[in-house]
Amino acid sequence: MQILITSSASARTRVMQFTPWSLGLALLALAVPMMLASLALYHAVVLKAAHEHWPIISEAVRFVERQELAQRDRYMRENLDAMAQKVGEMQARMLQLEAVSERVAGMAGIKPDELKHIEGAPAQASGGPLVALRQSTASSTTVADLNAQVATMTSLSERNADVFTLIESHLFEKRLEALMIPSSAPVDGPVGSGFGFRTDPFTHGSALHTGLDFPADIGTPIMAAAGGVVLSAGPHPQYGQLVELDHGNGLVTRYAHTSKMLVHQGDLVKRGQKIAEVGTTGRSTGPHLHFEVLVEGVQQNPAKFLAGQGKAPATVAQASNRAR
């Protein structure tokens, strides 16, 4: 494309030649400033119209603003409703967890009065199920409602954490008590003579046998029936080489007629630990272990403890009451 430019008949003609590319660039260079100017003018006019409330333009601006606000509100409402539904589901789970914790607390031997003392625990007569936030499609849930419900769930979770800590403490205490009950056989073997009246092998008269006899070869290991502290370990006129273990709560076990003692007074022993070896020392007619269980100094039938009936602390208390 060529453009000829002349000013007079005698003047030299000027020739301007344009290629398609150069022509396109020239048009673009003209269009961009015009578009920017148009946008600036439109923006200024619209702002002025909205500010001065021009009849037509201001209404159009308000309509666009209302549409944007309605869309934004609808988006927030949908998100709030979804969050409210999730919060309601979490509330239901928290209530289920609270019910489970109370049942487990009862199984662990925790009284309802103990649960009341936990900080934040509700009164016995109050309560009722928490209501989910989303009641209908026309829900009026707000951020403040969600914050309040989240605060309630936080309080519930803290209370449940305290309850489970208390349950764990009680279960650990019961486990320790069970470890201190002599329910393990001290010798691996059958029982010979049981607890009760029998013919005395020396006097041939009726006499109370205050424990269980476990016939075994000399040197057979004797294990502690439960954990405890060595009360004494030494010779006795009738029991021969005698080991006594104190298990607390007035509960003591005796291991008599031993040939060798492997512990000393004051030692800590655990259940199943080897403490002595079978012998026939003292008032004995042959190698065996004489095993006794005493509650508050009174001999009890060890078979009840070895049979798993010695549950602390009820068995100890009952045996103590019977002894009195």
Protein backbone atom coordinates (compact mmCIF):
# COMPACT_ATOMS: atom_id res chain seq x y z
CA MET A 1 0.00 0.00 0.00
CA GLN A 2 1.41 3.41 -1.07
CA ILE A 3 0.33 6.98 -0.24
CA LEU A 4 1.52 9.86 -2.48
CA ILE A 5 1.86 13.29 -0.84
CA THR A 6 2.44 16.50 -2.95
CA SER A 7 2.11 20.19 -2.09
CA SER A 8 2.31 21.75 -5.58
CA ALA A 9 2.89 20.91 -9.21
CA SER A 10 6.53 21.85 -9.00
CA ALA A 11 7.16 20.24 -5.63
CA ARG A 12 8.61 16.79 -5.30
CA THR A 13 6.08 14.08 -4.58
CA ARG A 14 6.57 12.12 -1.39
CA VAL A 15 5.78 8.43 -1.34
CA MET A 16 4.81 6.61 1.88
CA GLN A 17 4.67 2.85 1.62
CA PHE A 18 2.87 0.66 4.22
CA THR A 19 3.10 -3.07 4.65
CA PRO A 20 0.20 -5.02 6.26
CA TRP A 21 2.23 -5.45 9.44
CA SER A 22 3.13 -1.79 9.77
CA LEU A 23 -0.47 -0.81 9.09
CA GLY A 24 -1.73 -3.16 11.77
CA LEU A 25 0.75 -1.81 14.31
CA ALA A 26 -0.28 1.72 13.49
CA LEU A 27 -3.97 0.92 14.00
CA LEU A 28 -3.18 -0.83 17.29
CA ALA A 29 -1.17 2.15 18.45
CA LEU A 30 -4.18 4.35 17.81
CA ALA A 31 -6.72 1.93 19.33
CA VAL A 32 -5.01 1.35 22.69
CA PRO A 33 -4.95 5.01 23.81
CA MET A 34 -8.53 5.43 22.65
CA MET A 35 -9.65 2.41 24.70
CA LEU A 36 -7.85 3.64 27.79
CA ALA A 37 -9.35 7.06 27.39
CA SER A 38 -12.80 5.54 26.94
CA LEU A 39 -12.43 3.41 30.09
CA ALA A 40 -11.26 6.38 32.12
CA LEU A 41 -14.15 8.45 30.86
CA TYR A 42 -16.64 5.63 31.55
CA HIS A 43 -15.28 5.12 35.03
CA ALA A 44 -15.44 8.83 35.81
CA VAL A 45 -18.97 9.13 34.45
CA VAL A 46 -20.20 6.07 36.34
CA LEU A 47 -18.67 7.21 39.63
CA LYS A 48 -20.08 10.69 39.18
CA ALA A 49 -23.48 9.26 38.28
CA ALA A 50 -23.53 6.96 41.29
CA HIS A 51 -22.35 9.73 43.59
CA GLU A 52 -24.83 12.32 42.30
CA HIS A 53 -27.68 9.79 41.87
CA TRP A 54 -28.30 10.26 38.17
CA PRO A 55 -31.65 8.64 37.33
CA ILE A 56 -30.67 5.85 34.95
CA ILE A 57 -26.98 5.22 35.55
CA SER A 58 -27.24 5.24 39.35
CA GLU A 59 -30.04 2.64 39.24
CA ALA A 60 -27.94 0.43 36.97
CA VAL A 61 -24.98 0.73 39.33
CA ARG A 62 -27.12 -0.12 42.35
CA PHE A 63 -28.57 -3.13 40.52
CA VAL A 64 -25.09 -4.47 39.78
CA GLU A 65 -24.04 -3.90 43.39
CA ARG A 66 -27.15 -5.68 44.69
CA GLN A 67 -26.43 -8.65 42.42
CA GLU A 68 -22.87 -8.88 43.64
CA LEU A 69 -23.93 -8.60 47.29
CA ALA A 70 -26.65 -11.21 46.83
CA GLN A 71 -24.19 -13.61 45.21
CA ARG A 72 -21.65 -13.01 47.95
CA ASP A 73 -24.29 -13.50 50.66
CA ARG A 74 -25.53 -16.69 49.01
CA TYR A 75 -21.97 -18.04 48.88
CA MET A 76 -21.38 -17.20 52.56
CA ARG A 77 -24.75 -18.71 53.55
CA GLU A 78 -23.98 -21.97 51.77
CA ASN A 79 -20.61 -22.17 53.50
CA LEU A 80 -22.05 -21.30 56.90
CA ASP A 81 -24.78 -23.92 56.53
CA ALA A 82 -22.22 -26.54 55.53
CA MET A 83 -20.06 -25.61 58.52
CA ALA A 84 -23.10 -25.67 60.81
CA GLN A 85 -23.98 -29.17 59.66
CA LYS A 86 -20.42 -30.34 60.33
CA VAL A 87 -20.51 -28.72 63.78
CA GLY A 88 -23.81 -30.48 64.51
CA GLU A 89 -22.30 -33.84 63.53
CA MET A 90 -19.29 -33.15 65.75
CA GLN A 91 -21.64 -32.30 68.62
CA ALA A 92 -23.38 -35.65 68.23
CA ARG A 93 -20.04 -37.46 68.30
CA MET A 94 -18.97 -35.51 71.37
CA LEU A 95 -22.17 -36.52 73.18
CA GLN A 96 -21.60 -40.16 72.23
CA LEU A 97 -18.03 -39.91 73.51
CA GLU A 98 -19.28 -38.35 76.74
CA ALA A 99 -21.75 -41.21 77.24
CA VAL A 100 -19.01 -43.77 76.59
CA SER A 101 -16.66 -42.05 79.04
CA GLU A 102 -19.30 -42.14 81.77
CA ARG A 103 -19.99 -45.86 81.17
CA VAL A 104 -16.27 -46.66 81.20
CA ALA A 105 -15.87 -44.56 84.35
CA GLY A 106 -18.52 -46.69 86.02
CA MET A 107 -16.71 -49.86 84.95
CA ALA A 108 -13.48 -48.44 86.37
CA GLY A 109 -15.17 -47.95 89.73
CA ILE A 110 -15.46 -44.15 89.56
CA LYS A 111 -18.52 -42.86 91.41
CA PRO A 112 -20.77 -40.21 89.79
CA ASP A 113 -19.84 -37.80 92.60
CA GLU A 114 -16.21 -37.95 91.49
CA LEU A 115 -17.17 -36.91 87.97
CA LYS A 116 -19.02 -33.87 89.34
CA HIS A 117 -15.81 -32.54 90.82
CA ILE A 118 -14.17 -32.31 87.43
CA GLU A 119 -13.98 -28.66 86.44
CA GLY A 120 -16.63 -27.80 83.93
CA ALA A 121 -18.78 -30.87 84.58
CA PRO A 122 -22.51 -30.11 84.28
CA ALA A 123 -24.88 -30.59 87.20
CA GLN A 124 -26.68 -33.90 87.43
CA ALA A 125 -30.15 -32.46 86.78
CA SER A 126 -29.17 -30.23 83.85
CA GLY A 127 -28.30 -31.06 80.30
CA GLY A 128 -30.16 -32.50 77.37
CA PRO A 129 -28.99 -33.13 73.84
CA LEU A 130 -27.27 -30.37 71.96
CA VAL A 131 -29.32 -29.21 68.97
CA ALA A 132 -27.64 -29.08 65.60
CA LEU A 133 -27.32 -25.57 64.21
CA ARG A 134 -28.91 -26.30 60.87
CA GLN A 135 -32.62 -26.49 61.60
CA SER A 136 -34.02 -25.89 58.09
CA THR A 137 -33.22 -24.52 54.67
CA ALA A 138 -34.09 -21.09 56.01
CA SER A 139 -31.44 -21.30 58.70
CA SER A 140 -30.26 -18.04 60.23
CA THR A 141 -26.89 -19.36 61.36
CA THR A 142 -24.29 -16.71 61.98
CA VAL A 143 -20.56 -16.77 62.64
CA ALA A 144 -21.33 -15.91 66.28
CA ASP A 145 -23.53 -19.03 66.53
CA LEU A 146 -20.74 -21.19 65.16
CA ASN A 147 -18.21 -19.68 67.55
CA ALA A 148 -20.53 -20.35 70.50
CA GLN A 149 -21.05 -23.97 69.49
CA VAL A 150 -17.34 -24.50 68.90
CA ALA A 151 -16.67 -23.09 72.38
CA THR A 152 -19.21 -25.56 73.81
CA MET A 153 -17.53 -28.46 72.04
CA THR A 154 -14.14 -27.30 73.28
CA SER A 155 -15.47 -27.33 76.84
CA LEU A 156 -16.92 -30.82 76.33
CA SER A 157 -13.67 -32.13 74.88
CA GLU A 158 -11.69 -30.73 77.82
CA ARG A 159 -14.11 -32.36 80.27
CA ASN A 160 -13.91 -35.69 78.45
CA ALA A 161 -10.13 -35.46 78.48
CA ASP A 162 -10.24 -34.97 82.27
CA VAL A 163 -12.65 -37.89 82.64
CA PHE A 164 -10.43 -40.21 80.61
CA THR A 165 -7.40 -39.10 82.63
CA LEU A 166 -9.27 -39.97 85.82
CA ILE A 167 -10.33 -43.33 84.33
CA GLU A 168 -6.73 -44.08 83.36
CA SER A 169 -5.59 -43.26 86.89
CA HIS A 170 -8.20 -45.57 88.43
CA LEU A 171 -7.40 -48.40 86.02
CA PHE A 172 -3.68 -48.03 86.75
CA GLU A 173 -4.46 -48.11 90.47
CA LYS A 174 -6.52 -51.27 90.03
CA ARG A 175 -3.73 -52.84 88.02
CA LEU A 176 -1.27 -52.07 90.80
CA GLU A 177 -3.67 -53.54 93.35
CA ALA A 178 -4.04 -56.68 91.23
CA LEU A 179 -0.26 -57.02 91.05
CA MET A 180 -0.17 -56.94 94.86
CA ILE A 181 -2.70 -59.80 95.26
CA PRO A 182 -1.09 -63.27 95.64
CA SER A 183 -2.86 -65.00 92.77
CA SER A 184 0.16 -66.75 91.20
CA ALA A 185 1.17 -70.22 92.35
CA PRO A 186 4.53 -70.05 94.17
CA VAL A 187 5.60 -73.50 92.93
CA ASP A 188 4.89 -75.17 89.63
CA GLY A 189 3.18 -78.33 90.79
CA PRO A 190 0.10 -79.84 92.44
CA VAL A 191 -1.11 -79.04 95.95
CA GLY A 192 -0.62 -81.72 98.56
CA SER A 193 -2.25 -80.79 101.84
CA GLY A 194 -4.89 -78.06 101.77
CA PHE A 195 -6.12 -75.42 104.16
CA GLY A 196 -8.23 -76.67 107.08
CA PHE A 197 -8.25 -79.24 109.86
CA ARG A 198 -6.20 -82.41 109.39
CA THR A 199 -4.28 -85.01 111.38
CA ASP A 200 -1.01 -83.51 112.53
CA PRO A 201 1.92 -85.66 111.24
CA PHE A 202 3.82 -85.22 114.51
CA THR A 203 1.16 -85.33 117.24
CA HIS A 204 -1.34 -87.42 115.22
CA GLY A 205 -4.11 -85.24 116.63
CA SER A 206 -6.52 -82.92 114.83
CA ALA A 207 -4.96 -79.56 114.04
CA LEU A 208 -5.58 -76.62 111.72
CA HIS A 209 -3.34 -76.53 108.69
CA THR A 210 -2.97 -72.80 108.02
CA GLY A 211 -1.78 -72.90 104.41
CA LEU A 212 -1.17 -75.01 101.31
CA ASP A 213 1.60 -77.56 100.91
CA PHE A 214 3.32 -77.95 97.52
CA PRO A 215 5.37 -81.18 97.46
CA ALA A 216 8.49 -80.71 95.32
CA ASP A 217 12.13 -81.74 95.11
CA ILE A 218 14.73 -79.89 97.12
CA GLY A 219 16.02 -76.95 95.11
CA THR A 220 12.77 -76.41 93.19
CA PRO A 221 12.36 -72.64 92.55
CA ILE A 222 9.89 -70.74 94.74
CA MET A 223 8.37 -67.64 93.09
CA ALA A 224 6.71 -64.65 94.70
CA ALA A 225 2.92 -64.99 94.40
CA ALA A 226 2.66 -61.19 94.03
CA GLY A 227 4.78 -58.08 94.13
CA GLY A 228 5.79 -56.69 97.50
CA VAL A 229 8.53 -56.00 100.02
CA VAL A 230 10.49 -58.67 101.91
CA LEU A 231 9.22 -58.40 105.47
CA SER A 232 11.63 -60.98 106.84
CA ALA A 233 13.97 -63.69 105.60
CA GLY A 234 15.49 -65.96 108.22
CA PRO A 235 15.17 -69.02 110.44
CA HIS A 236 12.00 -69.83 112.36
CA PRO A 237 11.51 -72.57 115.01
CA GLN A 238 8.59 -74.21 113.17
CA TYR A 239 8.72 -72.82 109.62
CA GLY A 240 12.45 -73.39 109.21
CA GLN A 241 14.00 -71.05 106.63
CA LEU A 242 11.07 -68.60 106.21
CA VAL A 243 10.49 -65.75 103.76
CA GLU A 244 7.66 -63.28 104.39
CA LEU A 245 6.44 -60.74 101.82
CA ASP A 246 4.37 -57.67 102.65
CA HIS A 247 1.96 -56.76 99.82
CA GLY A 248 0.30 -53.79 101.52
CA ASN A 249 -3.26 -53.37 102.84
CA GLY A 250 -2.45 -55.79 105.66
CA LEU A 251 -1.75 -58.62 103.19
CA VAL A 252 1.27 -60.91 103.85
CA THR A 253 2.45 -64.19 102.29
CA ARG A 254 4.74 -66.78 103.89
CA TYR A 255 7.06 -69.27 102.18
CA ALA A 256 8.24 -71.87 104.72
CA HIS A 257 10.65 -74.83 105.00
CA THR A 258 12.95 -73.43 102.26
CA SER A 259 16.44 -74.82 101.73
CA LYS A 260 17.84 -71.54 100.39
CA MET A 261 16.65 -67.94 100.59
CA LEU A 262 17.55 -65.62 97.72
CA VAL A 263 16.22 -62.31 99.12
CA HIS A 264 16.85 -60.17 102.15
CA GLN A 265 14.72 -58.04 104.42
CA GLY A 266 13.69 -54.80 102.70
CA ASP A 267 14.15 -56.09 99.14
CA LEU A 268 11.53 -55.20 96.54
CA VAL A 269 10.25 -58.21 94.59
CA LYS A 270 7.86 -58.56 91.71
CA ARG A 271 5.33 -61.24 90.86
CA GLY A 272 6.99 -64.42 89.61
CA GLN A 273 10.46 -63.49 90.90
CA LYS A 274 12.48 -66.38 92.34
CA ILE A 275 12.86 -65.73 96.07
CA ALA A 276 13.86 -69.12 97.50
CA GLU A 277 14.22 -72.87 96.87
CA VAL A 278 12.16 -75.76 98.22
CA GLY A 279 13.58 -77.55 101.24
CA THR A 280 12.55 -79.47 104.37
CA THR A 281 13.81 -77.21 107.15
CA GLY A 282 11.92 -76.67 110.41
CA ARG A 283 8.91 -78.73 111.40
CA SER A 284 8.70 -80.76 108.21
CA THR A 285 8.48 -84.45 107.30
CA GLY A 286 9.72 -84.08 103.72
CA PRO A 287 10.65 -81.55 101.01
CA HIS A 288 7.77 -79.22 100.25
CA LEU A 289 6.74 -75.56 100.32
CA HIS A 290 4.29 -74.46 102.99
CA PHE A 291 2.51 -71.37 101.58
CA GLU A 292 0.36 -69.05 103.70
CA VAL A 293 -1.70 -65.92 103.08
CA LEU A 294 -2.43 -63.62 106.02
CA VAL A 295 -4.83 -60.67 106.19
CA GLU A 296 -4.30 -58.40 109.20
CA GLY A 297 -2.28 -61.23 110.77
CA VAL A 298 -4.98 -63.91 110.33
CA GLN A 299 -4.36 -66.90 108.04
CA GLN A 300 -6.71 -67.20 105.06
CA ASN A 301 -7.26 -70.03 102.60
CA PRO A 302 -4.63 -69.38 99.87
CA ALA A 303 -6.66 -71.40 97.37
CA LYS A 304 -9.18 -68.56 97.13
CA PHE A 305 -6.45 -66.18 96.05
CA LEU A 306 -4.78 -68.62 93.67
CA ALA A 307 -8.14 -69.36 92.06
CA GLY A 308 -8.43 -65.71 91.02
CA GLN A 309 -10.98 -64.82 93.69
CA GLY A 310 -8.63 -62.48 95.48
CA LYS A 311 -9.73 -59.24 93.87
CA ALA A 312 -8.35 -56.20 95.64
CA PRO A 313 -9.47 -54.59 97.74
CA ALA A 314 -12.79 -56.37 98.31
CA THR A 315 -11.27 -59.76 99.15
CA VAL A 316 -8.85 -58.22 101.59
CA ALA A 317 -11.62 -56.25 103.28
CA GLN A 318 -13.97 -59.23 103.43
CA ALA A 319 -11.28 -61.51 104.75
CA SER A 320 -10.36 -58.93 107.35
CA ASN A 321 -13.99 -58.66 108.46
CA ARG A 322 -14.26 -62.45 108.71
CA ALA A 323 -11.05 -62.55 110.72
CA ARG A 324 -12.51 -60.12 113.25
